[in-house]
């Protein structure tokens, strides 16, 4: 194991200190107040993210939003992200607040129906609302759910994330390495477990329309579905004040035609359409700072 630099050790210790501070906060209201403050500060000190958010909003909404509206959404995205990061580290049970008060789920019967098929379940979701609480809540209900997580390259962020997942008993599938991640996904499905995959990030695969603009998306969800027969269940989360809603939608069904690649594209396009609709409902709760669209020559205005 390589020796850590002094900077890395300081960063890891700082992250752990911040997590302990957040866990000491007494209520969801306090957690969000701290998170929003962090988000406001980050808005002014993260010009790269700010510009990317504004460009993406211009690309998707065009003339439907003026400059002032785009700026307002960008500010709210930063505040939401600050809340999300703080909420990931907050343990409500330490303060006598049941998780099922803080997080509410609708549509559990849809998940049970998918599980009853005995082929495991592929949960598809987006980085919308507080997606991290979703797996934590499902674990509390007794479901064996394994999110596929693209591990942060930053040592401190990675160790902080691992520490929290262990604390909340969330078993995860790390990626990369990608080949090993696929093997672990197949194994989990064959064991009748739930895997949670995100379908709203850019990745090489097939080109789909995402919120009206073509972009590439990974085909792993479709490949796993076609290979195992495991049902695909969309689950979305969104913030409602200081509480969170998790919506479990019915299993997706597809009419597949054409060759193998066309079938993959049909599945991924259906998923992209569904997730895009939910993102448009709650635009301030999605990660607009991600470089989701890279197959276009569009260049929006640099608005700061």
Protein backbone atom coordinates (compact mmCIF):
# COMPACT_ATOMS: atom_id res chain seq x y z
CA UNK A 1 0.00 0.00 0.00
CA UNK A 2 1.58 3.32 -1.07
CA UNK A 3 2.54 5.85 1.57
CA UNK A 4 0.16 8.78 1.86
CA UNK A 5 1.31 12.34 1.55
CA UNK A 6 0.79 14.75 4.42
CA UNK A 7 -1.79 16.55 2.29
CA UNK A 8 -3.81 13.36 1.77
CA UNK A 9 -3.76 12.54 5.49
CA UNK A 10 -4.90 16.04 6.37
CA UNK A 11 -7.70 15.85 3.80
CA UNK A 12 -8.91 12.46 5.09
CA UNK A 13 -8.90 13.71 8.68
CA UNK A 14 -10.72 16.89 7.65
CA UNK A 15 -13.48 14.87 5.92
CA UNK A 16 -13.89 12.69 9.02
CA UNK A 17 -14.06 15.80 11.20
CA UNK A 18 -16.75 17.32 8.96
CA UNK A 19 -18.77 14.08 9.10
CA UNK A 20 -18.62 14.10 12.91
CA UNK A 21 -19.73 17.74 12.93
CA UNK A 22 -22.68 17.00 10.64
CA UNK A 23 -23.71 13.96 12.69
CA UNK A 24 -23.87 16.18 15.78
CA UNK A 25 -26.47 18.48 14.19
CA UNK A 26 -29.83 18.05 15.97
CA UNK A 27 -32.39 18.01 13.15
CA UNK A 28 -32.99 17.89 9.38
CA UNK A 29 -33.63 21.63 9.51
CA UNK A 30 -30.18 22.27 10.98
CA UNK A 31 -28.56 19.92 8.47
CA UNK A 32 -30.15 21.77 5.55
CA UNK A 33 -29.26 25.17 6.98
CA UNK A 34 -25.60 24.15 7.09
CA UNK A 35 -25.84 22.52 3.67
CA UNK A 36 -27.41 25.55 2.03
CA UNK A 37 -24.72 27.78 3.51
CA UNK A 38 -22.03 25.50 2.06
CA UNK A 39 -23.84 25.57 -1.28
CA UNK A 40 -24.01 29.38 -1.32
CA UNK A 41 -20.28 29.61 -0.67
CA UNK A 42 -19.51 26.96 -3.29
CA UNK A 43 -21.57 28.87 -5.87
CA UNK A 44 -19.17 31.80 -5.66
CA UNK A 45 -15.98 29.76 -5.45
CA UNK A 46 -16.75 27.14 -8.12
CA UNK A 47 -16.88 29.09 -11.40
CA UNK A 48 -16.24 25.98 -13.50
CA UNK A 49 -19.31 24.20 -12.12
CA UNK A 50 -21.37 27.39 -12.24
CA UNK A 51 -20.62 27.98 -15.91
CA UNK A 52 -21.29 24.34 -16.78
CA UNK A 53 -24.68 24.44 -15.04
CA UNK A 54 -25.67 27.60 -16.90
CA UNK A 55 -24.56 26.15 -20.24
CA UNK A 56 -26.51 22.95 -19.66
CA UNK A 57 -29.62 24.91 -18.67
CA UNK A 58 -29.31 27.02 -21.81
CA UNK A 59 -28.91 23.89 -23.92
CA UNK A 60 -32.00 22.18 -22.54
CA UNK A 61 -34.38 25.07 -21.87
CA UNK A 62 -33.27 27.52 -24.55
CA UNK A 63 -35.51 30.60 -24.65
CA UNK A 64 -37.93 29.10 -22.13
CA UNK A 65 -35.72 30.50 -19.37
CA UNK A 66 -34.17 33.95 -19.31
CA UNK A 67 -30.75 34.69 -17.83
CA UNK A 68 -32.18 35.57 -14.41
CA UNK A 69 -34.13 32.30 -14.20
CA UNK A 70 -31.08 30.25 -15.16
CA UNK A 71 -29.02 31.99 -12.48
CA UNK A 72 -31.73 31.30 -9.91
CA UNK A 73 -31.83 27.60 -10.76
CA UNK A 74 -28.02 27.40 -10.66
CA UNK A 75 -27.99 28.89 -7.16
CA UNK A 76 -30.64 26.43 -6.00
CA UNK A 77 -28.70 23.51 -7.50
CA UNK A 78 -25.65 24.47 -5.43
CA UNK A 79 -27.74 24.78 -2.25
CA UNK A 80 -29.42 21.44 -2.91
CA UNK A 81 -26.06 19.78 -3.47
CA UNK A 82 -24.75 21.23 -0.20
CA UNK A 83 -27.78 19.79 1.62
CA UNK A 84 -27.34 16.43 -0.08
CA UNK A 85 -23.70 16.10 0.97
CA UNK A 86 -24.51 16.98 4.59
CA UNK A 87 -27.52 14.65 4.67
CA UNK A 88 -25.37 11.76 3.50
CA UNK A 89 -23.41 12.02 6.73
CA UNK A 90 -26.32 12.66 9.10
CA UNK A 91 -27.68 9.77 11.18
CA UNK A 92 -31.23 10.64 12.20
CA UNK A 93 -31.47 7.70 14.63
CA UNK A 94 -28.84 9.34 16.86
CA UNK A 95 -31.31 12.14 17.48
CA UNK A 96 -34.41 10.02 18.01
CA UNK A 97 -35.83 10.62 14.53
CA UNK A 98 -36.98 7.48 12.69
CA UNK A 99 -35.62 7.17 9.16
CA UNK A 100 -39.13 6.41 7.90
CA UNK A 101 -40.26 9.85 9.14
CA UNK A 102 -37.42 11.61 7.34
CA UNK A 103 -37.72 9.45 4.22
CA UNK A 104 -41.07 8.29 2.82
CA UNK A 105 -41.57 5.67 0.11
CA UNK A 106 -44.53 5.27 -2.23
CA UNK A 107 -45.04 2.27 -4.51
CA UNK A 108 -43.39 -0.48 -2.48
CA UNK A 109 -45.84 -2.96 -4.04
CA UNK A 110 -44.14 -2.36 -7.41
CA UNK A 111 -40.81 -3.45 -5.94
CA UNK A 112 -42.36 -6.51 -4.31
CA UNK A 113 -43.95 -7.53 -7.61
CA UNK A 114 -40.57 -7.36 -9.35
CA UNK A 115 -38.86 -9.32 -6.58
CA UNK A 116 -41.50 -12.05 -6.81
CA UNK A 117 -40.22 -12.98 -10.27
CA UNK A 118 -37.13 -14.46 -8.62
CA UNK A 119 -34.58 -13.01 -11.04
CA UNK A 120 -33.24 -10.19 -8.93
CA UNK A 121 -34.15 -6.57 -9.65
CA UNK A 122 -32.39 -3.81 -11.59
CA UNK A 123 -33.27 -0.50 -9.95
CA UNK A 124 -32.64 2.39 -12.30
CA UNK A 125 -32.44 5.91 -10.97
CA UNK A 126 -30.91 9.34 -11.49
CA UNK A 127 -28.84 11.75 -9.44
CA UNK A 128 -32.09 13.48 -8.50
CA UNK A 129 -33.13 14.58 -5.03
CA UNK A 130 -31.19 12.76 -2.33
CA UNK A 131 -30.55 9.53 -4.19
CA UNK A 132 -28.09 8.38 -1.49
CA UNK A 133 -30.87 8.02 1.09
CA UNK A 134 -32.72 5.63 -1.20
CA UNK A 135 -30.37 2.67 -0.73
CA UNK A 136 -29.99 3.45 2.95
CA UNK A 137 -33.78 3.36 3.37
CA UNK A 138 -34.15 0.12 1.40
CA UNK A 139 -31.49 -1.49 3.61
CA UNK A 140 -33.47 -0.50 6.71
CA UNK A 141 -36.52 -2.21 5.23
CA UNK A 142 -34.45 -5.39 4.88
CA UNK A 143 -33.76 -5.39 1.14
CA UNK A 144 -30.32 -6.50 -0.02
CA UNK A 145 -29.58 -3.66 -2.42
CA UNK A 146 -26.17 -3.02 -3.96
CA UNK A 147 -25.60 0.33 -5.68
CA UNK A 148 -22.99 0.48 -8.41
CA UNK A 149 -20.81 3.41 -7.37
CA UNK A 150 -18.19 5.17 -9.45
CA UNK A 151 -15.66 5.66 -6.68
CA UNK A 152 -14.21 9.19 -6.32
CA UNK A 153 -10.60 9.58 -7.41
CA UNK A 154 -10.00 11.92 -4.47
CA UNK A 155 -8.68 9.88 -1.53
CA UNK A 156 -10.49 11.86 1.17
CA UNK A 157 -13.85 11.76 -0.64
CA UNK A 158 -13.47 8.05 -1.34
CA UNK A 159 -12.65 7.15 2.25
CA UNK A 160 -15.44 9.34 3.60
CA UNK A 161 -17.93 7.65 1.26
CA UNK A 162 -16.75 4.16 2.22
CA UNK A 163 -16.94 5.03 5.92
CA UNK A 164 -20.57 6.17 5.57
CA UNK A 165 -21.67 3.16 3.52
CA UNK A 166 -20.20 0.81 6.11
CA UNK A 167 -21.89 2.76 8.90
CA UNK A 168 -25.30 2.40 7.23
CA UNK A 169 -24.69 -1.23 6.14
CA UNK A 170 -24.95 -0.46 2.42
CA UNK A 171 -23.07 -3.07 0.38
CA UNK A 172 -21.83 -1.48 -2.80
CA UNK A 173 -20.32 -2.55 -6.11
CA UNK A 174 -17.30 -0.36 -6.92
CA UNK A 175 -16.48 0.80 -10.42
CA UNK A 176 -13.91 0.78 -11.96
CA UNK A 177 -12.73 -1.90 -12.65
CA UNK A 178 -15.69 -2.21 -15.03
CA UNK A 179 -15.31 -5.90 -15.91
CA UNK A 180 -15.29 -6.87 -12.24
CA UNK A 181 -18.32 -4.63 -11.61
CA UNK A 182 -20.31 -6.44 -14.31
CA UNK A 183 -19.43 -9.81 -12.79
CA UNK A 184 -20.57 -8.63 -9.36
CA UNK A 185 -23.84 -7.29 -10.80
CA UNK A 186 -24.56 -10.63 -12.49
CA UNK A 187 -23.76 -12.50 -9.28
CA UNK A 188 -26.06 -10.25 -7.23
CA UNK A 189 -28.96 -10.72 -9.66
CA UNK A 190 -28.51 -14.49 -9.72
CA UNK A 191 -28.67 -14.42 -5.91
CA UNK A 192 -32.01 -12.62 -6.13
CA UNK A 193 -30.61 -9.31 -4.89
CA UNK A 194 -31.32 -5.75 -5.99
CA UNK A 195 -28.73 -3.71 -7.84
CA UNK A 196 -29.06 0.05 -8.20
CA UNK A 197 -27.71 1.66 -11.38
CA UNK A 198 -27.67 5.30 -12.47
CA UNK A 199 -28.70 6.11 -16.03
CA UNK A 200 -28.26 9.88 -16.17
CA UNK A 201 -24.49 10.22 -16.56
CA UNK A 202 -22.48 10.40 -19.76
CA UNK A 203 -20.77 7.15 -20.75
CA UNK A 204 -19.76 5.49 -23.99
CA UNK A 205 -22.49 3.23 -25.31
CA UNK A 206 -25.42 4.16 -27.55
CA UNK A 207 -26.70 7.60 -28.51
CA UNK A 208 -30.09 8.47 -27.00
CA UNK A 209 -32.18 11.59 -26.71
CA UNK A 210 -31.89 12.96 -23.17
CA UNK A 211 -34.18 15.90 -22.39
CA UNK A 212 -34.28 16.76 -26.08
CA UNK A 213 -30.57 16.59 -26.90
CA UNK A 214 -28.66 13.54 -28.23
CA UNK A 215 -25.90 12.14 -26.07
CA UNK A 216 -24.22 8.83 -25.32
CA UNK A 217 -25.30 6.60 -22.46
CA UNK A 218 -24.01 3.33 -21.07
CA UNK A 219 -25.83 0.14 -22.06
CA UNK A 220 -25.08 -1.88 -18.93
CA UNK A 221 -28.66 -1.76 -17.66
CA UNK A 222 -30.04 -3.07 -20.95
CA UNK A 223 -27.34 -5.75 -21.25
CA UNK A 224 -28.02 -7.05 -17.73
CA UNK A 225 -31.77 -7.06 -18.35
CA UNK A 226 -31.48 -8.97 -21.63
CA UNK A 227 -28.94 -11.40 -20.24
CA UNK A 228 -30.71 -12.28 -16.97
CA UNK A 229 -34.35 -11.36 -17.50
CA UNK A 230 -34.21 -9.32 -14.28
CA UNK A 231 -37.00 -6.72 -14.27
CA UNK A 232 -36.10 -3.04 -14.48
CA UNK A 233 -37.78 -0.91 -11.81
CA UNK A 234 -37.39 2.89 -11.97
CA UNK A 235 -37.04 4.59 -8.59
CA UNK A 236 -36.78 8.36 -8.21
CA UNK A 237 -36.23 10.56 -5.17
CA UNK A 238 -37.02 14.20 -4.58
CA UNK A 239 -36.81 16.64 -1.70
CA UNK A 240 -40.01 17.93 -0.10
CA UNK A 241 -38.96 20.63 2.36
CA UNK A 242 -36.79 18.93 4.96
CA UNK A 243 -38.10 15.45 4.13
CA UNK A 244 -37.58 13.13 1.18
CA UNK A 245 -39.91 11.15 -1.06
CA UNK A 246 -38.95 7.95 -2.84
CA UNK A 247 -41.24 6.88 -5.66
CA UNK A 248 -41.07 3.27 -6.87
CA UNK A 249 -42.60 3.08 -10.34
CA UNK A 250 -43.99 -0.05 -12.04
CA UNK A 251 -41.65 -2.45 -13.85
CA UNK A 252 -40.70 -1.24 -17.29
CA UNK A 253 -41.85 -3.21 -20.33
CA UNK A 254 -40.36 -2.87 -23.79
CA UNK A 255 -41.33 -3.75 -27.36
CA UNK A 256 -38.01 -4.86 -28.80
CA UNK A 257 -37.33 -5.08 -32.54
CA UNK A 258 -34.30 -5.09 -34.79
CA UNK A 259 -30.77 -6.22 -34.06
CA UNK A 260 -29.06 -6.42 -30.68
CA UNK A 261 -27.82 -2.82 -30.70
CA UNK A 262 -31.25 -1.52 -31.63
CA UNK A 263 -32.76 -3.40 -28.70
CA UNK A 264 -30.18 -1.89 -26.37
CA UNK A 265 -31.00 1.59 -27.70
CA UNK A 266 -34.76 1.04 -27.29
CA UNK A 267 -34.35 0.09 -23.64
CA UNK A 268 -31.96 2.94 -22.83
CA UNK A 269 -34.10 5.47 -24.69
CA UNK A 270 -37.17 4.45 -22.67
CA UNK A 271 -35.22 4.84 -19.44
CA UNK A 272 -33.78 8.19 -20.53
CA UNK A 273 -37.26 9.48 -21.42
CA UNK A 274 -38.64 8.54 -18.02
CA UNK A 275 -35.77 9.96 -15.98
CA UNK A 276 -35.70 13.12 -18.10
CA UNK A 277 -39.38 13.75 -17.31
CA UNK A 278 -38.70 13.57 -13.56
CA UNK A 279 -35.66 15.83 -13.82
CA UNK A 280 -37.72 18.43 -15.66
CA UNK A 281 -40.26 18.31 -12.81
CA UNK A 282 -37.55 19.06 -10.23
CA UNK A 283 -34.80 20.90 -12.15
CA UNK A 284 -33.18 22.39 -9.03
CA UNK A 285 -32.58 18.90 -7.60
CA UNK A 286 -30.45 17.42 -10.40
CA UNK A 287 -26.67 17.56 -10.97
CA UNK A 288 -26.56 20.04 -13.85
CA UNK A 289 -22.80 20.45 -13.23
CA UNK A 290 -22.19 17.05 -14.87
CA UNK A 291 -20.96 17.04 -18.50
CA UNK A 292 -23.94 14.97 -19.66
CA UNK A 293 -23.98 16.17 -23.28
CA UNK A 294 -20.73 15.68 -25.19
CA UNK A 295 -21.85 14.60 -28.65
CA UNK A 296 -22.93 18.08 -29.71
CA UNK A 297 -20.97 21.04 -31.03
CA UNK A 298 -23.16 23.46 -29.08
CA UNK A 299 -21.39 26.14 -27.06
CA UNK A 300 -23.57 28.27 -24.82
CA UNK A 301 -22.79 31.71 -23.41
CA UNK A 302 -20.42 32.01 -20.49
CA UNK A 303 -22.73 33.58 -17.91
CA UNK A 304 -21.28 34.16 -14.46
